[in-house]
C-alpha atoms as a PDB file:
ATOM      1  CA  MET A   1      97.543 108.354  76.948  1.00  0.00           C
ATOM      2  CA  HIS A   2      95.747 111.829  77.612  1.00  0.00           C
ATOM      3  CA  PHE A   3      97.837 112.269  80.714  1.00  0.00           C
ATOM      4  CA  SER A   4     100.990 112.151  78.808  1.00  0.00           C
ATOM      5  CA  ARG A   5      99.788 114.819  76.318  1.00  0.00           C
ATOM      6  CA  LEU A   6      98.532 116.929  79.163  1.00  0.00           C
ATOM      7  CA  ALA A   7     101.964 116.843  80.814  1.00  0.00           C
ATOM      8  CA  VAL A   8     103.693 117.647  77.578  1.00  0.00           C
ATOM      9  CA  VAL A   9     101.637 120.976  77.541  1.00  0.00           C
ATOM     10  CA  ALA A  10     101.692 121.702  81.184  1.00  0.00           C
ATOM     11  CA  LEU A  11     105.132 121.482  81.931  1.00  0.00           C
ATOM     12  CA  PRO A  12     106.676 124.430  79.556  1.00  0.00           C
ATOM     13  CA  ILE A  13     103.983 126.643  81.118  1.00  0.00           C
ATOM     14  CA  LEU A  14     104.786 125.614  84.628  1.00  0.00           C
ATOM     15  CA  GLY A  15     108.554 126.479  83.753  1.00  0.00           C
ATOM     16  CA  ALA A  16     107.574 129.793  82.421  1.00  0.00           C
ATOM     17  CA  THR A  17     105.530 130.620  85.302  1.00  0.00           C
ATOM     18  CA  ALA A  18     108.378 129.972  87.666  1.00  0.00           C
ATOM     19  CA  SER A  19     110.765 132.095  85.693  1.00  0.00           C
ATOM     20  CA  ILE A  20     108.717 135.115  86.161  1.00  0.00           C
ATOM     21  CA  LEU A  21     108.456 135.113  89.781  1.00  0.00           C
ATOM     22  CA  PRO A  22     110.733 137.932  91.241  1.00  0.00           C
ATOM     23  CA  ARG A  23     113.738 136.915  93.067  1.00  0.00           C
ATOM     24  CA  ASN A  24     116.206 138.812  95.193  1.00  0.00           C
ATOM     25  CA  PRO A  25     119.743 137.943  94.370  1.00  0.00           C
ATOM     26  CA  GLN A  26     120.808 138.874  97.855  1.00  0.00           C
ATOM     27  CA  CYS A  27     118.795 136.041  99.257  1.00  0.00           C
ATOM     28  CA  SER A  28     119.238 132.981  96.738  1.00  0.00           C
ATOM     29  CA  GLY A  29     119.466 130.629  99.469  1.00  0.00           C
ATOM     30  CA  GLY A  30     117.147 131.332 102.146  1.00  0.00           C
ATOM     31  CA  SER A  31     113.831 133.288 102.738  1.00  0.00           C
ATOM     32  CA  LEU A  32     113.468 137.114 102.734  1.00  0.00           C
ATOM     33  CA  LYS A  33     112.072 138.329 106.129  1.00  0.00           C
ATOM     34  CA  CYS A  34     111.197 141.239 108.072  1.00  0.00           C
ATOM     35  CA  CYS A  35     112.230 141.023 111.740  1.00  0.00           C
ATOM     36  CA  GLN A  36     111.695 143.269 114.451  1.00  0.00           C
ATOM     37  CA  GLN A  37     114.945 142.634 115.984  1.00  0.00           C
ATOM     38  CA  VAL A  38     118.238 141.166 114.799  1.00  0.00           C
ATOM     39  CA  ILE A  39     120.834 139.883 117.316  1.00  0.00           C
ATOM     40  CA  GLN A  40     124.410 138.934 116.408  1.00  0.00           C
ATOM     41  CA  SER A  41     124.888 135.214 117.174  1.00  0.00           C
ATOM     42  CA  THR A  42     127.995 136.238 119.250  1.00  0.00           C
ATOM     43  CA  ALA A  43     126.042 138.754 121.180  1.00  0.00           C
ATOM     44  CA  LEU A  44     122.851 136.657 122.426  1.00  0.00           C
ATOM     45  CA  PRO A  45     121.126 137.510 125.494  1.00  0.00           C
ATOM     46  CA  GLY A  46     121.284 134.776 128.358  1.00  0.00           C
ATOM     47  CA  TRP A  47     117.548 134.019 127.697  1.00  0.00           C
ATOM     48  CA  LEU A  48     118.014 133.181 124.051  1.00  0.00           C
ATOM     49  CA  THR A  49     121.095 131.036 124.753  1.00  0.00           C
ATOM     50  CA  THR A  50     119.286 128.954 127.181  1.00  0.00           C
ATOM     51  CA  TYR A  51     116.280 128.727 124.819  1.00  0.00           C
ATOM     52  CA  PHE A  52     118.577 127.125 122.019  1.00  0.00           C
ATOM     53  CA  ALA A  53     120.263 124.714 124.676  1.00  0.00           C
ATOM     54  CA  LEU A  54     116.529 123.597 125.843  1.00  0.00           C
ATOM     55  CA  ILE A  55     115.662 122.777 122.438  1.00  0.00           C
ATOM     56  CA  GLY A  56     118.861 121.323 121.290  1.00  0.00           C
ATOM     57  CA  VAL A  57     120.348 123.909 118.850  1.00  0.00           C
ATOM     58  CA  SER A  58     123.844 124.313 118.425  1.00  0.00           C
ATOM     59  CA  LEU A  59     124.745 127.943 118.726  1.00  0.00           C
ATOM     60  CA  ASP A  60     127.251 127.361 115.540  1.00  0.00           C
ATOM     61  CA  SER A  61     124.140 126.528 113.485  1.00  0.00           C
ATOM     62  CA  ILE A  62     122.493 129.824 113.980  1.00  0.00           C
ATOM     63  CA  ALA A  63     125.308 132.295 112.691  1.00  0.00           C
ATOM     64  CA  PRO A  64     125.787 134.942 111.628  1.00  0.00           C
ATOM     65  CA  ALA A  65     122.436 136.526 113.376  1.00  0.00           C
ATOM     66  CA  VAL A  66     119.097 135.604 114.971  1.00  0.00           C
ATOM     67  CA  GLY A  67     115.956 137.379 113.898  1.00  0.00           C
ATOM     68  CA  LEU A  68     113.235 137.895 116.530  1.00  0.00           C
ATOM     69  CA  THR A  69     109.443 138.178 115.384  1.00  0.00           C
ATOM     70  CA  CYS A  70     109.986 137.515 111.928  1.00  0.00           C
ATOM     71  CA  THR A  71     107.373 137.644 108.880  1.00  0.00           C
ATOM     72  CA  VAL A  72     107.970 136.630 105.211  1.00  0.00           C
ATOM     73  CA  ILE A  73     108.088 139.551 102.982  1.00  0.00           C
ATOM     74  CA  GLY A  74     105.844 138.777 100.123  1.00  0.00           C
ATOM     75  CA  VAL A  75     106.028 140.126  96.622  1.00  0.00           C
ATOM     76  CA  GLY A  76     105.354 143.985  96.872  1.00  0.00           C
ATOM     77  CA  GLN A  77     105.409 144.143 100.237  1.00  0.00           C
ATOM     78  CA  SER A  78     107.979 146.317 102.199  1.00  0.00           C
ATOM     79  CA  CYS A  79     109.476 145.959 105.682  1.00  0.00           C
ATOM     80  CA  GLN A  80     109.692 148.945 108.358  1.00  0.00           C
ATOM     81  CA  SER A  81     112.256 146.933 110.472  1.00  0.00           C
ATOM     82  CA  ASN A  82     115.057 144.871 109.702  1.00  0.00           C
ATOM     83  CA  THR A  83     114.940 143.070 106.150  1.00  0.00           C
ATOM     84  CA  VAL A  84     117.208 139.985 106.331  1.00  0.00           C
ATOM     85  CA  CYS A  85     117.797 136.725 104.529  1.00  0.00           C
ATOM     86  CA  CYS A  86     117.519 133.897 106.715  1.00  0.00           C
ATOM     87  CA  THR A  87     118.811 130.598 105.543  1.00  0.00           C
ATOM     88  CA  GLY A  88     118.666 128.627 108.783  1.00  0.00           C
ATOM     89  CA  ASN A  89     115.463 127.187 110.730  1.00  0.00           C
ATOM     90  CA  ASN A  90     112.561 128.868 112.141  1.00  0.00           C
ATOM     91  CA  TYR A  91     111.443 128.282 115.680  1.00  0.00           C
ATOM     92  CA  GLN A  92     107.900 128.996 116.882  1.00  0.00           C
ATOM     93  CA  ASP A  93     107.034 128.370 120.510  1.00  0.00           C
ATOM     94  CA  GLY A  94     104.199 130.166 121.799  1.00  0.00           C
ATOM     95  CA  LEU A  95     105.058 133.861 121.680  1.00  0.00           C
ATOM     96  CA  ILE A  96     108.769 133.031 120.660  1.00  0.00           C
ATOM     97  CA  ASN A  97     109.236 133.478 116.739  1.00  0.00           C
ATOM     98  CA  ILE A  98     113.041 132.998 115.701  1.00  0.00           C
ATOM     99  CA  SER A  99     114.637 132.594 112.303  1.00  0.00           C
ATOM    100  CA  THR A 100     118.306 131.781 112.338  1.00  0.00           C
ATOM    101  CA  GLY A 101     121.252 132.159 110.012  1.00  0.00           C
ATOM    102  CA  CYS A 102     120.131 135.816 109.039  1.00  0.00           C
ATOM    103  CA  THR A 103     122.054 138.196 107.158  1.00  0.00           C
ATOM    104  CA  PRO A 104     120.972 141.983 106.476  1.00  0.00           C
ATOM    105  CA  VAL A 105     119.561 142.733 103.011  1.00  0.00           C
ATOM    106  CA  ILE A 106     119.269 145.953 101.364  1.00  0.00           C
ATOM    107  CA  LEU A 107     116.134 146.203  99.180  1.00  0.00           C
END
């Protein structure tokens, strides 16, 4: 009984909190990242093509670009390299940190 009252009070508060978080309209379906290098999927170097083949990733699934050494951009942070919106998967293997499905974003 008490739980249902708490839920009725907490849900509107959670909804209000979620709506005040800043959003970037250029990156509505992915995550905003700062990448040291961005490579068009049509111009991947051989080592990167081989890496994706070894881990079983289709090159069609990584378009339009791949971001190397990417970190998520948090609220109030800026990017001194390449700001991108990545909608694909992230691959972390030792020193290799790759984000796929990246498109440039202007902040």
